[in-house]
Amino acid sequence: MNVNDNYVLDILNKFIVSERLNKSEILQMVSLVSISNDLSDLKDNLKWETSRVKY
């Protein structure tokens, strides 16, 4: 995903609001957005990262 695209930024902002992400989750999302192909891929990557941290 290209974070320089306004459409992508709008999607990411809506995702942040809808999921009520905290600061650390937002920072994690920013690091994963460049390797994600779309929003569902980003969600999967975030789930994987959070599960990896817990265990």
C-alpha atoms as a PDB file:
ATOM      1  CA  MET A   1       0.000   0.000   0.000  1.00  0.00           C
ATOM      2  CA  ASN A   2       1.254   3.439  -0.846  1.00  0.00           C
ATOM      3  CA  VAL A   3       0.942   5.784   2.126  1.00  0.00           C
ATOM      4  CA  ASN A   4       1.458   8.783  -0.147  1.00  0.00           C
ATOM      5  CA  ASP A   5      -1.881   8.111  -1.801  1.00  0.00           C
ATOM      6  CA  ASN A   6      -4.768  10.116  -0.334  1.00  0.00           C
ATOM      7  CA  TYR A   7      -7.213   7.255  -0.845  1.00  0.00           C
ATOM      8  CA  VAL A   8      -4.999   4.909   1.176  1.00  0.00           C
ATOM      9  CA  LEU A   9      -4.605   7.496   3.922  1.00  0.00           C
ATOM     10  CA  ASP A  10      -8.362   7.892   4.113  1.00  0.00           C
ATOM     11  CA  ILE A  11      -8.809   4.116   4.445  1.00  0.00           C
ATOM     12  CA  LEU A  12      -6.138   3.947   7.143  1.00  0.00           C
ATOM     13  CA  ASN A  13      -7.722   6.806   9.084  1.00  0.00           C
ATOM     14  CA  LYS A  14     -11.109   5.107   8.976  1.00  0.00           C
ATOM     15  CA  PHE A  15      -9.506   1.866  10.111  1.00  0.00           C
ATOM     16  CA  ILE A  16      -7.803   3.614  13.032  1.00  0.00           C
ATOM     17  CA  VAL A  17     -11.080   5.157  14.139  1.00  0.00           C
ATOM     18  CA  SER A  18     -13.183   2.036  13.679  1.00  0.00           C
ATOM     19  CA  GLU A  19     -10.749  -0.224  15.522  1.00  0.00           C
ATOM     20  CA  ARG A  20      -9.916   2.414  18.147  1.00  0.00           C
ATOM     21  CA  LEU A  21      -6.208   1.810  17.803  1.00  0.00           C
ATOM     22  CA  ASN A  22      -3.887   3.177  20.445  1.00  0.00           C
ATOM     23  CA  LYS A  23      -0.569   4.903  19.740  1.00  0.00           C
ATOM     24  CA  SER A  24       1.553   1.775  19.744  1.00  0.00           C
ATOM     25  CA  GLU A  25      -0.901  -0.041  17.450  1.00  0.00           C
ATOM     26  CA  ILE A  26      -0.873   2.907  15.053  1.00  0.00           C
ATOM     27  CA  LEU A  27       2.917   2.900  14.970  1.00  0.00           C
ATOM     28  CA  GLN A  28       2.883  -0.823  14.331  1.00  0.00           C
ATOM     29  CA  MET A  29       0.354  -0.338  11.550  1.00  0.00           C
ATOM     30  CA  VAL A  30       2.514   2.339   9.919  1.00  0.00           C
ATOM     31  CA  SER A  31       5.458  -0.027   9.818  1.00  0.00           C
ATOM     32  CA  LEU A  32       3.332  -2.786   8.260  1.00  0.00           C
ATOM     33  CA  VAL A  33       1.411  -0.735   5.727  1.00  0.00           C
ATOM     34  CA  SER A  34       4.241  -0.634   3.207  1.00  0.00           C
ATOM     35  CA  ILE A  35       4.478  -4.440   3.036  1.00  0.00           C
ATOM     36  CA  SER A  36       0.713  -4.980   2.907  1.00  0.00           C
ATOM     37  CA  ASN A  37      -1.126  -5.267  -0.392  1.00  0.00           C
ATOM     38  CA  ASP A  38      -4.536  -4.128   0.842  1.00  0.00           C
ATOM     39  CA  LEU A  39      -6.544  -3.524   3.997  1.00  0.00           C
ATOM     40  CA  SER A  40      -7.321  -7.177   4.662  1.00  0.00           C
ATOM     41  CA  ASP A  41      -3.638  -8.023   4.283  1.00  0.00           C
ATOM     42  CA  LEU A  42      -2.802  -5.249   6.734  1.00  0.00           C
ATOM     43  CA  LYS A  43      -5.328  -6.618   9.228  1.00  0.00           C
ATOM     44  CA  ASP A  44      -3.809 -10.090   8.921  1.00  0.00           C
ATOM     45  CA  ASN A  45      -0.318  -8.699   9.411  1.00  0.00           C
ATOM     46  CA  LEU A  46      -1.420  -6.782  12.484  1.00  0.00           C
ATOM     47  CA  LYS A  47      -3.043  -9.876  13.976  1.00  0.00           C
ATOM     48  CA  TRP A  48       0.088 -11.881  13.295  1.00  0.00           C
ATOM     49  CA  GLU A  49       2.310  -9.253  14.893  1.00  0.00           C
ATOM     50  CA  THR A  50       0.148  -8.947  18.002  1.00  0.00           C
ATOM     51  CA  SER A  51      -0.083 -12.701  18.451  1.00  0.00           C
ATOM     52  CA  ARG A  52       3.673 -13.020  18.056  1.00  0.00           C
ATOM     53  CA  VAL A  53       4.239 -10.438  20.814  1.00  0.00           C
ATOM     54  CA  LYS A  54       1.891 -12.206  23.241  1.00  0.00           C
ATOM     55  CA  TYR A  55       3.567 -15.587  22.932  1.00  0.00           C
END
